[in-house]
Amino acid sequence: MIEMLKAVILAGGRSTRLRPITNNRPKMLVPILNRCVIDYVIERIKETSMVDEYIFTLHYFGEKILEYIDESNSFGINPYFVKEEKPLGTAGSVKNVERELSDTFLVVSGDILFDYDLRPVIQEHMREHREATIVLAEVRDVSGLGVVELDKDNRVTRFYEKPDPRNIGPALINTGIYVLDKSVLNYIRPGQMFDFSVDLFPLLIKRGTLFGRREIGFWRDIGTYKGYFDAQADILSNRTRIRIPGKKITHNVYAAKDAIVTDPEKASGPALLGEGSVVAGGVILRNSVLGRECKVGSNSALLYSALMNGTTVDTGSSIVGALIGEKSYIGPGKNIIGPV
């Protein structure tokens, strides 16, 4: 009989690198392809793991996450919420929910998108009676990420956080997905600020009890604008197993209910239009997403960008590498270049 597990979703971070969009919302409620990040995380865990209970560690705008799941829980999960009065760090926040955890549990960071099947990771961890297993991905650009080195037995021998990418080529990195034995929490004092990468993993490396498992598939850190738009482009281009929420109207353009593209061939794509959005003639859309009820005037261009619900872009404007907030108005002939 397969043992069912609990999952801890780390949802308390401020995500300062996504400001100003995260000035009034937690990063897990930032939309990507017109669904909140939290939807993708829950969906993937539910479809590809042995989890039957979800514990959300909350801090920054935690009440909004609680309200969102309570009001729109279409996944039928069993959620449990714990809000921290003060930030406790990634590992400290898990220690804070220790009483709710099973002997083996899953931890997933709240600012990533992935399409891995987590069952083999969990099964290997339990079969080998490990204390801790990190899911790893190989990437070319390690900027802002934690780099991991393994020995021939897949034991982690070195972990260094956010190294200078100029000195490192393609490398294995920490994805923010862990399978852990409850014993690892014995290294953390209650109420102590403690981080997995900086504090806990170095202790486990010294003990020789930290292992890594490389997974092949899609993974992105969407806690930065570059990561956000790279993930958007990957999904739109069907380089992942994540479903695009719309009907294909040309080979590269998708549209939800009642969306209209006057000149889909000119639009080119890849692109997604949310429900009720309207795109006039002569508009170029490449690696871009429109939310619900958006309007784009004629002879405009959206490149590597996203419009949130209710936004209007007037005639002859161009937007490059920008995420535009809800109900914004971009006047005619404007040129906006975002942080990417």
C-alpha atoms as a PDB file:
ATOM      1  CA  MET A   1       0.000   0.000   0.000  1.00  0.00           C
ATOM      2  CA  ILE A   2       1.372   3.435  -0.993  1.00  0.00           C
ATOM      3  CA  GLU A   3       1.788   5.793   1.944  1.00  0.00           C
ATOM      4  CA  MET A   4       0.122   9.155   1.403  1.00  0.00           C
ATOM      5  CA  LEU A   5       2.172  12.237   2.254  1.00  0.00           C
ATOM      6  CA  LYS A   6       1.699  15.827   3.251  1.00  0.00           C
ATOM      7  CA  ALA A   7       3.114  18.722   1.217  1.00  0.00           C
ATOM      8  CA  VAL A   8       4.354  22.026   2.600  1.00  0.00           C
ATOM      9  CA  ILE A   9       3.955  24.891   0.132  1.00  0.00           C
ATOM     10  CA  LEU A  10       6.276  27.800   0.966  1.00  0.00           C
ATOM     11  CA  ALA A  11       4.014  30.764   0.254  1.00  0.00           C
ATOM     12  CA  GLY A  12       5.273  33.474   2.599  1.00  0.00           C
ATOM     13  CA  GLY A  13       7.886  35.307   0.515  1.00  0.00           C
ATOM     14  CA  ARG A  14       7.660  38.958  -0.512  1.00  0.00           C
ATOM     15  CA  SER A  15       9.107  38.481  -4.020  1.00  0.00           C
ATOM     16  CA  THR A  16      10.694  41.917  -4.166  1.00  0.00           C
ATOM     17  CA  ARG A  17      12.172  41.074  -7.565  1.00  0.00           C
ATOM     18  CA  LEU A  18       8.667  41.107  -9.091  1.00  0.00           C
ATOM     19  CA  ARG A  19       7.736  44.571  -7.862  1.00  0.00           C
ATOM     20  CA  PRO A  20       5.603  46.552  -8.563  1.00  0.00           C
ATOM     21  CA  ILE A  21       3.217  43.683  -9.464  1.00  0.00           C
ATOM     22  CA  THR A  22       3.807  42.142  -6.010  1.00  0.00           C
ATOM     23  CA  ASN A  23       3.252  45.418  -4.161  1.00  0.00           C
ATOM     24  CA  ASN A  24      -0.374  44.397  -3.555  1.00  0.00           C
ATOM     25  CA  ARG A  25      -0.342  40.609  -3.903  1.00  0.00           C
ATOM     26  CA  PRO A  26       1.804  37.597  -2.938  1.00  0.00           C
ATOM     27  CA  LYS A  27       3.837  36.025  -5.711  1.00  0.00           C
ATOM     28  CA  MET A  28       1.699  32.872  -5.712  1.00  0.00           C
ATOM     29  CA  LEU A  29      -1.242  34.984  -6.889  1.00  0.00           C
ATOM     30  CA  VAL A  30       0.654  36.525  -9.805  1.00  0.00           C
ATOM     31  CA  PRO A  31      -1.028  35.322 -13.017  1.00  0.00           C
ATOM     32  CA  ILE A  32       0.889  33.543 -15.736  1.00  0.00           C
ATOM     33  CA  LEU A  33      -1.064  32.506 -18.834  1.00  0.00           C
ATOM     34  CA  ASN A  34      -4.140  33.812 -16.983  1.00  0.00           C
ATOM     35  CA  ARG A  35      -3.885  31.384 -14.096  1.00  0.00           C
ATOM     36  CA  CYS A  36      -2.292  32.085 -10.726  1.00  0.00           C
ATOM     37  CA  VAL A  37       1.057  30.479  -9.984  1.00  0.00           C
ATOM     38  CA  ILE A  38      -0.548  28.665  -7.057  1.00  0.00           C
ATOM     39  CA  ASP A  39      -2.910  26.856  -9.454  1.00  0.00           C
ATOM     40  CA  TYR A  40      -0.040  25.320 -11.411  1.00  0.00           C
ATOM     41  CA  VAL A  41       1.809  24.259  -8.252  1.00  0.00           C
ATOM     42  CA  ILE A  42      -1.221  22.548  -6.720  1.00  0.00           C
ATOM     43  CA  GLU A  43      -2.212  20.933 -10.011  1.00  0.00           C
ATOM     44  CA  ARG A  44       1.228  19.457 -10.595  1.00  0.00           C
ATOM     45  CA  ILE A  45       1.594  18.116  -7.064  1.00  0.00           C
ATOM     46  CA  LYS A  46      -1.866  16.585  -7.158  1.00  0.00           C
ATOM     47  CA  GLU A  47      -1.338  14.932 -10.548  1.00  0.00           C
ATOM     48  CA  THR A  48       2.165  13.575  -9.993  1.00  0.00           C
ATOM     49  CA  SER A  49       2.697  12.795  -6.317  1.00  0.00           C
ATOM     50  CA  MET A  50       1.311  10.839  -3.367  1.00  0.00           C
ATOM     51  CA  VAL A  51       0.118  13.909  -1.443  1.00  0.00           C
ATOM     52  CA  ASP A  52      -3.281  14.075   0.231  1.00  0.00           C
ATOM     53  CA  GLU A  53      -2.865  17.166   2.432  1.00  0.00           C
ATOM     54  CA  TYR A  54      -1.453  20.613   1.632  1.00  0.00           C
ATOM     55  CA  ILE A  55       0.048  22.877   4.286  1.00  0.00           C
ATOM     56  CA  PHE A  56       0.581  26.499   3.237  1.00  0.00           C
ATOM     57  CA  THR A  57       3.090  28.613   5.186  1.00  0.00           C
ATOM     58  CA  LEU A  58       1.909  32.214   4.917  1.00  0.00           C
ATOM     59  CA  HIS A  59       3.289  35.647   5.763  1.00  0.00           C
ATOM     60  CA  TYR A  60       3.238  38.393   3.120  1.00  0.00           C
ATOM     61  CA  PHE A  61      -0.425  38.987   2.099  1.00  0.00           C
ATOM     62  CA  GLY A  62      -1.151  35.547   3.513  1.00  0.00           C
ATOM     63  CA  GLU A  63      -4.843  36.320   3.960  1.00  0.00           C
ATOM     64  CA  LYS A  64      -5.173  36.772   0.177  1.00  0.00           C
ATOM     65  CA  ILE A  65      -3.828  33.283  -0.472  1.00  0.00           C
ATOM     66  CA  LEU A  66      -6.194  31.854   2.139  1.00  0.00           C
ATOM     67  CA  GLU A  67      -9.168  33.665   0.593  1.00  0.00           C
ATOM     68  CA  TYR A  68      -8.208  32.628  -2.937  1.00  0.00           C
ATOM     69  CA  ILE A  69      -7.974  28.931  -2.111  1.00  0.00           C
ATOM     70  CA  ASP A  70     -11.151  28.989  -0.033  1.00  0.00           C
ATOM     71  CA  GLU A  71     -13.099  30.759  -2.791  1.00  0.00           C
ATOM     72  CA  SER A  72     -11.686  29.046  -5.876  1.00  0.00           C
ATOM     73  CA  ASN A  73     -10.573  25.619  -4.722  1.00  0.00           C
ATOM     74  CA  SER A  74     -11.419  23.659  -7.844  1.00  0.00           C
ATOM     75  CA  PHE A  75      -8.828  20.966  -7.099  1.00  0.00           C
ATOM     76  CA  GLY A  76     -10.642  19.389  -4.181  1.00  0.00           C
ATOM     77  CA  ILE A  77      -7.566  19.488  -1.925  1.00  0.00           C
ATOM     78  CA  ASN A  78      -7.416  19.428   1.853  1.00  0.00           C
ATOM     79  CA  PRO A  79      -5.646  22.731   2.710  1.00  0.00           C
ATOM     80  CA  TYR A  80      -4.208  23.794   6.058  1.00  0.00           C
ATOM     81  CA  PHE A  81      -2.868  27.323   6.600  1.00  0.00           C
ATOM     82  CA  VAL A  82      -0.281  28.606   9.070  1.00  0.00           C
ATOM     83  CA  LYS A  83       0.578  32.308   9.100  1.00  0.00           C
ATOM     84  CA  GLU A  84       3.911  33.410  10.539  1.00  0.00           C
ATOM     85  CA  GLU A  85       3.892  36.493  12.740  1.00  0.00           C
ATOM     86  CA  LYS A  86       7.468  37.147  11.660  1.00  0.00           C
ATOM     87  CA  PRO A  87       9.476  35.655   8.764  1.00  0.00           C
ATOM     88  CA  LEU A  88      11.148  32.390   9.788  1.00  0.00           C
ATOM     89  CA  GLY A  89      13.054  31.547   6.606  1.00  0.00           C
ATOM     90  CA  THR A  90      12.332  28.612   4.323  1.00  0.00           C
ATOM     91  CA  ALA A  91      13.343  25.869   6.774  1.00  0.00           C
ATOM     92  CA  GLY A  92      12.125  27.757   9.832  1.00  0.00           C
ATOM     93  CA  SER A  93       8.649  27.998   8.333  1.00  0.00           C
ATOM     94  CA  VAL A  94       8.573  24.199   7.928  1.00  0.00           C
ATOM     95  CA  LYS A  95       9.743  23.746  11.523  1.00  0.00           C
ATOM     96  CA  ASN A  96       6.795  25.960  12.485  1.00  0.00           C
ATOM     97  CA  VAL A  97       4.336  23.335  11.147  1.00  0.00           C
ATOM     98  CA  GLU A  98       6.253  20.320  12.480  1.00  0.00           C
ATOM     99  CA  ARG A  99       3.318  18.985  14.513  1.00  0.00           C
ATOM    100  CA  GLU A 100       1.222  18.675  11.345  1.00  0.00           C
ATOM    101  CA  LEU A 101       3.775  16.657   9.365  1.00  0.00           C
ATOM    102  CA  SER A 102       4.095  12.971   8.612  1.00  0.00           C
ATOM    103  CA  ASP A 103       7.416  11.111   8.939  1.00  0.00           C
ATOM    104  CA  THR A 104       8.203  11.805   5.257  1.00  0.00           C
ATOM    105  CA  PHE A 105       6.885  14.924   3.536  1.00  0.00           C
ATOM    106  CA  LEU A 106       7.246  17.053   0.428  1.00  0.00           C
ATOM    107  CA  VAL A 107       8.324  20.720   0.360  1.00  0.00           C
ATOM    108  CA  VAL A 108       7.717  22.918  -2.700  1.00  0.00           C
ATOM    109  CA  SER A 109       8.741  26.545  -3.138  1.00  0.00           C
ATOM    110  CA  GLY A 110       5.908  28.879  -4.072  1.00  0.00           C
ATOM    111  CA  ASP A 111       7.711  30.756  -6.862  1.00  0.00           C
ATOM    112  CA  ILE A 112       8.481  27.966  -9.315  1.00  0.00           C
ATOM    113  CA  LEU A 113       6.762  26.277 -12.250  1.00  0.00           C
ATOM    114  CA  PHE A 114       7.600  22.699 -13.211  1.00  0.00           C
ATOM    115  CA  ASP A 115       6.185  19.700 -15.039  1.00  0.00           C
ATOM    116  CA  TYR A 116       8.040  16.878 -13.263  1.00  0.00           C
ATOM    117  CA  ASP A 117       6.465  13.614 -12.177  1.00  0.00           C
ATOM    118  CA  LEU A 118       7.290  13.630  -8.474  1.00  0.00           C
ATOM    119  CA  ARG A 119       6.343  10.037  -7.728  1.00  0.00           C
ATOM    120  CA  PRO A 120       9.746   8.503  -8.690  1.00  0.00           C
ATOM    121  CA  VAL A 121      11.521  11.070  -6.498  1.00  0.00           C
ATOM    122  CA  ILE A 122       9.362  10.245  -3.489  1.00  0.00           C
ATOM    123  CA  GLN A 123       9.584   6.495  -4.051  1.00  0.00           C
ATOM    124  CA  GLU A 124      13.386   6.560  -4.369  1.00  0.00           C
ATOM    125  CA  HIS A 125      13.717   8.664  -1.227  1.00  0.00           C
ATOM    126  CA  MET A 126      11.583   6.228   0.782  1.00  0.00           C
ATOM    127  CA  ARG A 127      13.154   3.097  -0.726  1.00  0.00           C
ATOM    128  CA  GLU A 128      16.667   4.294   0.128  1.00  0.00           C
ATOM    129  CA  HIS A 129      15.604   5.488   3.614  1.00  0.00           C
ATOM    130  CA  ARG A 130      17.119   8.896   3.025  1.00  0.00           C
ATOM    131  CA  GLU A 131      17.000  11.871   5.337  1.00  0.00           C
ATOM    132  CA  ALA A 132      16.759  14.491   2.574  1.00  0.00           C
ATOM    133  CA  THR A 133      16.479  14.508  -1.215  1.00  0.00           C
ATOM    134  CA  ILE A 134      16.705  17.654  -3.393  1.00  0.00           C
ATOM    135  CA  VAL A 135      15.193  17.672  -6.865  1.00  0.00           C
ATOM    136  CA  LEU A 136      17.796  19.064  -9.279  1.00  0.00           C
ATOM    137  CA  ALA A 137      17.687  20.544 -12.778  1.00  0.00           C
ATOM    138  CA  GLU A 138      20.535  21.270 -15.177  1.00  0.00           C
ATOM    139  CA  VAL A 139      20.541  24.878 -16.420  1.00  0.00           C
ATOM    140  CA  ARG A 140      22.869  27.003 -18.499  1.00  0.00           C
ATOM    141  CA  ASP A 141      22.472  30.246 -16.541  1.00  0.00           C
ATOM    142  CA  VAL A 142      22.875  29.820 -12.776  1.00  0.00           C
ATOM    143  CA  SER A 143      22.245  33.505 -11.960  1.00  0.00           C
ATOM    144  CA  GLY A 144      20.508  33.804  -8.596  1.00  0.00           C
ATOM    145  CA  LEU A 145      20.303  30.024  -8.106  1.00  0.00           C
ATOM    146  CA  GLY A 146      21.854  27.439  -5.801  1.00  0.00           C
ATOM    147  CA  VAL A 147      24.423  25.178  -7.497  1.00  0.00           C
ATOM    148  CA  VAL A 148      24.785  21.569  -6.339  1.00  0.00           C
ATOM    149  CA  GLU A 149      27.616  19.051  -6.819  1.00  0.00           C
ATOM    150  CA  LEU A 150      27.099  15.292  -6.432  1.00  0.00           C
ATOM    151  CA  ASP A 151      29.318  12.269  -5.980  1.00  0.00           C
ATOM    152  CA  LYS A 152      28.857   8.977  -7.857  1.00  0.00           C
ATOM    153  CA  ASP A 153      26.193   7.882  -5.343  1.00  0.00           C
ATOM    154  CA  ASN A 154      24.188  11.107  -5.865  1.00  0.00           C
ATOM    155  CA  ARG A 155      25.165  12.350  -2.427  1.00  0.00           C
ATOM    156  CA  VAL A 156      25.477  16.140  -2.300  1.00  0.00           C
ATOM    157  CA  THR A 157      29.112  17.098  -1.695  1.00  0.00           C
ATOM    158  CA  ARG A 158      28.859  20.839  -2.184  1.00  0.00           C
ATOM    159  CA  PHE A 159      26.143  23.467  -2.234  1.00  0.00           C
ATOM    160  CA  TYR A 160      26.811  27.097  -3.037  1.00  0.00           C
ATOM    161  CA  GLU A 161      24.120  29.720  -3.242  1.00  0.00           C
ATOM    162  CA  LYS A 162      23.977  32.334  -6.032  1.00  0.00           C
ATOM    163  CA  PRO A 163      27.533  32.008  -7.403  1.00  0.00           C
ATOM    164  CA  ASP A 164      28.964  34.349 -10.022  1.00  0.00           C
ATOM    165  CA  PRO A 165      27.514  32.918 -13.273  1.00  0.00           C
ATOM    166  CA  ARG A 166      30.565  34.121 -15.213  1.00  0.00           C
ATOM    167  CA  ASN A 167      32.633  31.457 -13.470  1.00  0.00           C
ATOM    168  CA  ILE A 168      30.219  28.553 -13.978  1.00  0.00           C
ATOM    169  CA  GLY A 169      28.854  26.940 -17.116  1.00  0.00           C
ATOM    170  CA  PRO A 170      25.875  24.570 -17.226  1.00  0.00           C
ATOM    171  CA  ALA A 171      25.333  23.127 -13.760  1.00  0.00           C
ATOM    172  CA  LEU A 172      22.889  21.280 -11.531  1.00  0.00           C
ATOM    173  CA  ILE A 173      20.775  23.633  -9.457  1.00  0.00           C
ATOM    174  CA  ASN A 174      18.395  23.407  -6.526  1.00  0.00           C
ATOM    175  CA  THR A 175      14.787  23.534  -7.828  1.00  0.00           C
ATOM    176  CA  GLY A 176      13.159  24.291  -4.480  1.00  0.00           C
ATOM    177  CA  ILE A 177      11.492  20.852  -4.375  1.00  0.00           C
ATOM    178  CA  TYR A 178      12.505  18.566  -1.482  1.00  0.00           C
ATOM    179  CA  VAL A 179      11.493  15.221  -0.020  1.00  0.00           C
ATOM    180  CA  LEU A 180      12.419  15.220   3.661  1.00  0.00           C
ATOM    181  CA  ASP A 181      12.380  13.004   6.693  1.00  0.00           C
ATOM    182  CA  LYS A 182      10.985  14.688   9.777  1.00  0.00           C
ATOM    183  CA  SER A 183      14.301  14.141  11.562  1.00  0.00           C
ATOM    184  CA  VAL A 184      15.870  17.068   9.656  1.00  0.00           C
ATOM    185  CA  LEU A 185      13.735  19.441  11.708  1.00  0.00           C
ATOM    186  CA  ASN A 186      15.645  18.443  14.858  1.00  0.00           C
ATOM    187  CA  TYR A 187      18.441  20.804  13.727  1.00  0.00           C
ATOM    188  CA  ILE A 188      16.133  23.821  13.966  1.00  0.00           C
ATOM    189  CA  ARG A 189      14.974  25.538  17.149  1.00  0.00           C
ATOM    190  CA  PRO A 190      11.309  26.617  17.289  1.00  0.00           C
ATOM    191  CA  GLY A 191      10.927  30.231  16.209  1.00  0.00           C
ATOM    192  CA  GLN A 192      14.455  30.336  14.771  1.00  0.00           C
ATOM    193  CA  MET A 193      15.135  32.048  11.430  1.00  0.00           C
ATOM    194  CA  PHE A 194      16.558  29.198   9.356  1.00  0.00           C
ATOM    195  CA  ASP A 195      17.047  28.705   5.634  1.00  0.00           C
ATOM    196  CA  PHE A 196      17.313  25.438   3.725  1.00  0.00           C
ATOM    197  CA  SER A 197      20.131  26.531   1.412  1.00  0.00           C
ATOM    198  CA  VAL A 198      22.188  28.647   3.805  1.00  0.00           C
ATOM    199  CA  ASP A 199      21.699  26.841   7.112  1.00  0.00           C
ATOM    200  CA  LEU A 200      20.221  23.335   6.893  1.00  0.00           C
ATOM    201  CA  PHE A 201      21.801  21.874   3.766  1.00  0.00           C
ATOM    202  CA  PRO A 202      25.405  22.572   4.870  1.00  0.00           C
ATOM    203  CA  LEU A 203      24.675  20.636   8.087  1.00  0.00           C
ATOM    204  CA  LEU A 204      23.272  17.687   6.158  1.00  0.00           C
ATOM    205  CA  ILE A 205      26.234  17.698   3.740  1.00  0.00           C
ATOM    206  CA  LYS A 206      28.618  17.337   6.699  1.00  0.00           C
ATOM    207  CA  ARG A 207      26.555  14.369   7.898  1.00  0.00           C
ATOM    208  CA  GLY A 208      26.473  12.859   4.408  1.00  0.00           C
ATOM    209  CA  THR A 209      22.674  12.592   4.474  1.00  0.00           C
ATOM    210  CA  LEU A 210      21.730  15.031   1.695  1.00  0.00           C
ATOM    211  CA  PHE A 211      21.069  13.494  -1.731  1.00  0.00           C
ATOM    212  CA  GLY A 212      20.133  14.917  -5.107  1.00  0.00           C
ATOM    213  CA  ARG A 213      18.046  13.562  -7.957  1.00  0.00           C
ATOM    214  CA  ARG A 214      18.261  15.146 -11.380  1.00  0.00           C
ATOM    215  CA  GLU A 215      14.949  15.428 -13.209  1.00  0.00           C
ATOM    216  CA  ILE A 216      14.462  16.003 -16.937  1.00  0.00           C
ATOM    217  CA  GLY A 217      11.669  18.358 -17.884  1.00  0.00           C
ATOM    218  CA  PHE A 218      10.483  21.919 -17.490  1.00  0.00           C
ATOM    219  CA  TRP A 219      11.442  24.062 -14.492  1.00  0.00           C
ATOM    220  CA  ARG A 220      11.528  27.824 -14.053  1.00  0.00           C
ATOM    221  CA  ASP A 221      12.042  30.203 -11.148  1.00  0.00           C
ATOM    222  CA  ILE A 222       9.344  32.813 -11.776  1.00  0.00           C
ATOM    223  CA  GLY A 223      10.453  35.021  -8.884  1.00  0.00           C
ATOM    224  CA  THR A 224      12.124  37.368 -11.411  1.00  0.00           C
ATOM    225  CA  TYR A 225      10.760  39.042 -14.529  1.00  0.00           C
ATOM    226  CA  LYS A 226      13.222  37.156 -16.700  1.00  0.00           C
ATOM    227  CA  GLY A 227      12.124  33.857 -15.208  1.00  0.00           C
ATOM    228  CA  TYR A 228       8.483  34.844 -15.532  1.00  0.00           C
ATOM    229  CA  PHE A 229       8.688  35.679 -19.246  1.00  0.00           C
ATOM    230  CA  ASP A 230      10.965  32.726 -20.021  1.00  0.00           C
ATOM    231  CA  ALA A 231       8.365  30.440 -18.443  1.00  0.00           C
ATOM    232  CA  GLN A 232       5.582  32.134 -20.393  1.00  0.00           C
ATOM    233  CA  ALA A 233       7.471  31.656 -23.669  1.00  0.00           C
ATOM    234  CA  ASP A 234       8.231  27.993 -22.889  1.00  0.00           C
ATOM    235  CA  ILE A 235       4.587  27.179 -22.166  1.00  0.00           C
ATOM    236  CA  LEU A 236       3.251  29.108 -25.168  1.00  0.00           C
ATOM    237  CA  SER A 237       5.718  27.302 -27.427  1.00  0.00           C
ATOM    238  CA  ASN A 238       4.578  23.886 -26.136  1.00  0.00           C
ATOM    239  CA  ARG A 239       7.977  23.086 -24.682  1.00  0.00           C
ATOM    240  CA  THR A 240       6.317  21.866 -21.475  1.00  0.00           C
ATOM    241  CA  ARG A 241       3.544  19.526 -20.407  1.00  0.00           C
ATOM    242  CA  ILE A 242       1.601  22.442 -18.922  1.00  0.00           C
ATOM    243  CA  ARG A 243      -1.686  22.982 -20.710  1.00  0.00           C
ATOM    244  CA  ILE A 244      -2.400  26.270 -22.491  1.00  0.00           C
ATOM    245  CA  PRO A 245      -5.851  27.483 -21.325  1.00  0.00           C
ATOM    246  CA  GLY A 246      -7.363  28.364 -24.706  1.00  0.00           C
ATOM    247  CA  LYS A 247      -8.414  27.046 -28.097  1.00  0.00           C
ATOM    248  CA  LYS A 248      -5.886  27.162 -30.931  1.00  0.00           C
ATOM    249  CA  ILE A 249      -7.121  29.566 -33.646  1.00  0.00           C
ATOM    250  CA  THR A 250      -3.945  29.524 -35.748  1.00  0.00           C
ATOM    251  CA  HIS A 251      -0.824  27.378 -35.488  1.00  0.00           C
ATOM    252  CA  ASN A 252       0.578  29.664 -32.786  1.00  0.00           C
ATOM    253  CA  VAL A 253      -2.285  31.741 -31.336  1.00  0.00           C
ATOM    254  CA  TYR A 254      -4.673  30.533 -28.625  1.00  0.00           C
ATOM    255  CA  ALA A 255      -7.872  32.219 -27.493  1.00  0.00           C
ATOM    256  CA  ALA A 256     -10.340  31.702 -24.657  1.00  0.00           C
ATOM    257  CA  LYS A 257     -14.112  32.132 -24.961  1.00  0.00           C
ATOM    258  CA  ASP A 258     -15.340  35.195 -26.932  1.00  0.00           C
ATOM    259  CA  ALA A 259     -11.821  36.469 -27.671  1.00  0.00           C
ATOM    260  CA  ILE A 260     -11.347  38.068 -31.099  1.00  0.00           C
ATOM    261  CA  VAL A 261      -8.192  38.453 -33.189  1.00  0.00           C
ATOM    262  CA  THR A 262      -8.918  40.478 -36.311  1.00  0.00           C
ATOM    263  CA  ASP A 263      -5.699  39.508 -38.086  1.00  0.00           C
ATOM    264  CA  PRO A 264      -4.386  36.237 -36.559  1.00  0.00           C
ATOM    265  CA  GLU A 265      -1.716  35.711 -39.227  1.00  0.00           C
ATOM    266  CA  LYS A 266      -0.249  39.157 -38.542  1.00  0.00           C
ATOM    267  CA  ALA A 267      -0.354  38.423 -34.811  1.00  0.00           C
ATOM    268  CA  SER A 268       2.069  35.561 -35.498  1.00  0.00           C
ATOM    269  CA  GLY A 269       2.337  34.348 -31.914  1.00  0.00           C
ATOM    270  CA  PRO A 270       2.907  32.391 -29.864  1.00  0.00           C
ATOM    271  CA  ALA A 271       0.214  34.192 -27.909  1.00  0.00           C
ATOM    272  CA  LEU A 272      -2.810  33.652 -25.676  1.00  0.00           C
ATOM    273  CA  LEU A 273      -5.929  35.847 -25.464  1.00  0.00           C
ATOM    274  CA  GLY A 274      -8.051  35.717 -22.339  1.00  0.00           C
ATOM    275  CA  GLU A 275     -11.832  35.563 -22.307  1.00  0.00           C
ATOM    276  CA  GLY A 276     -13.512  38.509 -24.037  1.00  0.00           C
ATOM    277  CA  SER A 277     -10.305  40.168 -25.233  1.00  0.00           C
ATOM    278  CA  VAL A 278     -10.202  41.946 -28.594  1.00  0.00           C
ATOM    279  CA  VAL A 279      -7.174  42.515 -30.847  1.00  0.00           C
ATOM    280  CA  ALA A 280      -7.579  44.908 -33.792  1.00  0.00           C
ATOM    281  CA  GLY A 281      -6.015  44.579 -37.242  1.00  0.00           C
ATOM    282  CA  GLY A 282      -2.301  44.906 -37.879  1.00  0.00           C
ATOM    283  CA  VAL A 283      -1.311  43.920 -34.330  1.00  0.00           C
ATOM    284  CA  ILE A 284       1.835  41.860 -33.735  1.00  0.00           C
ATOM    285  CA  LEU A 285       1.739  39.457 -30.774  1.00  0.00           C
ATOM    286  CA  ARG A 286       4.843  37.424 -30.026  1.00  0.00           C
ATOM    287  CA  ASN A 287       5.422  35.488 -26.804  1.00  0.00           C
ATOM    288  CA  SER A 288       2.656  37.520 -25.192  1.00  0.00           C
ATOM    289  CA  VAL A 289      -0.495  36.981 -23.138  1.00  0.00           C
ATOM    290  CA  LEU A 290      -3.666  39.063 -22.752  1.00  0.00           C
ATOM    291  CA  GLY A 291      -5.859  38.652 -19.690  1.00  0.00           C
ATOM    292  CA  ARG A 292      -9.648  38.838 -19.648  1.00  0.00           C
ATOM    293  CA  GLU A 293     -11.416  41.772 -21.336  1.00  0.00           C
ATOM    294  CA  CYS A 294      -8.237  43.345 -22.724  1.00  0.00           C
ATOM    295  CA  LYS A 295      -8.224  45.516 -25.857  1.00  0.00           C
ATOM    296  CA  VAL A 296      -5.318  46.159 -28.218  1.00  0.00           C
ATOM    297  CA  GLY A 297      -5.682  48.894 -30.854  1.00  0.00           C
ATOM    298  CA  SER A 298      -4.634  48.589 -34.478  1.00  0.00           C
ATOM    299  CA  ASN A 299      -0.986  48.541 -35.570  1.00  0.00           C
ATOM    300  CA  SER A 300       0.301  47.914 -32.060  1.00  0.00           C
ATOM    301  CA  ALA A 301       2.882  45.359 -30.951  1.00  0.00           C
ATOM    302  CA  LEU A 302       3.260  43.209 -27.839  1.00  0.00           C
ATOM    303  CA  LEU A 303       6.570  41.383 -27.647  1.00  0.00           C
ATOM    304  CA  TYR A 304       7.553  39.149 -24.728  1.00  0.00           C
ATOM    305  CA  SER A 305       4.891  40.834 -22.583  1.00  0.00           C
ATOM    306  CA  ALA A 306       1.660  40.268 -20.677  1.00  0.00           C
ATOM    307  CA  LEU A 307      -1.450  42.353 -20.015  1.00  0.00           C
ATOM    308  CA  MET A 308      -3.450  41.651 -16.892  1.00  0.00           C
ATOM    309  CA  ASN A 309      -7.258  41.740 -16.851  1.00  0.00           C
ATOM    310  CA  GLY A 310      -9.095  44.771 -18.220  1.00  0.00           C
ATOM    311  CA  THR A 311      -6.096  46.541 -19.761  1.00  0.00           C
ATOM    312  CA  THR A 312      -6.321  48.642 -22.933  1.00  0.00           C
ATOM    313  CA  VAL A 313      -3.464  49.372 -25.323  1.00  0.00           C
ATOM    314  CA  ASP A 314      -4.375  52.111 -27.766  1.00  0.00           C
ATOM    315  CA  THR A 315      -3.479  52.401 -31.449  1.00  0.00           C
ATOM    316  CA  GLY A 316       0.138  52.271 -32.598  1.00  0.00           C
ATOM    317  CA  SER A 317       1.722  51.460 -29.241  1.00  0.00           C
ATOM    318  CA  SER A 318       4.469  48.948 -28.534  1.00  0.00           C
ATOM    319  CA  ILE A 319       5.194  47.026 -25.333  1.00  0.00           C
ATOM    320  CA  VAL A 320       8.357  44.986 -24.944  1.00  0.00           C
ATOM    321  CA  GLY A 321       9.279  42.807 -21.944  1.00  0.00           C
ATOM    322  CA  ALA A 322       6.670  44.262 -19.594  1.00  0.00           C
ATOM    323  CA  LEU A 323       3.937  42.944 -17.314  1.00  0.00           C
ATOM    324  CA  ILE A 324       1.108  45.512 -17.267  1.00  0.00           C
ATOM    325  CA  GLY A 325      -1.230  45.544 -14.251  1.00  0.00           C
ATOM    326  CA  GLU A 326      -5.026  45.284 -14.196  1.00  0.00           C
ATOM    327  CA  LYS A 327      -7.223  47.913 -15.816  1.00  0.00           C
ATOM    328  CA  SER A 328      -4.293  49.930 -17.105  1.00  0.00           C
ATOM    329  CA  TYR A 329      -4.553  52.248 -20.081  1.00  0.00           C
ATOM    330  CA  ILE A 330      -1.651  52.670 -22.494  1.00  0.00           C
ATOM    331  CA  GLY A 331      -2.259  55.686 -24.709  1.00  0.00           C
ATOM    332  CA  PRO A 332      -1.804  55.839 -28.493  1.00  0.00           C
ATOM    333  CA  GLY A 333       1.725  55.764 -29.862  1.00  0.00           C
ATOM    334  CA  LYS A 334       3.378  54.858 -26.564  1.00  0.00           C
ATOM    335  CA  ASN A 335       6.553  52.773 -26.334  1.00  0.00           C
ATOM    336  CA  ILE A 336       7.068  50.789 -23.138  1.00  0.00           C
ATOM    337  CA  ILE A 337      10.149  48.710 -22.473  1.00  0.00           C
ATOM    338  CA  GLY A 338      10.065  46.562 -19.376  1.00  0.00           C
ATOM    339  CA  PRO A 339      12.829  45.216 -17.130  1.00  0.00           C
ATOM    340  CA  VAL A 340      13.538  42.113 -19.239  1.00  0.00           C
END
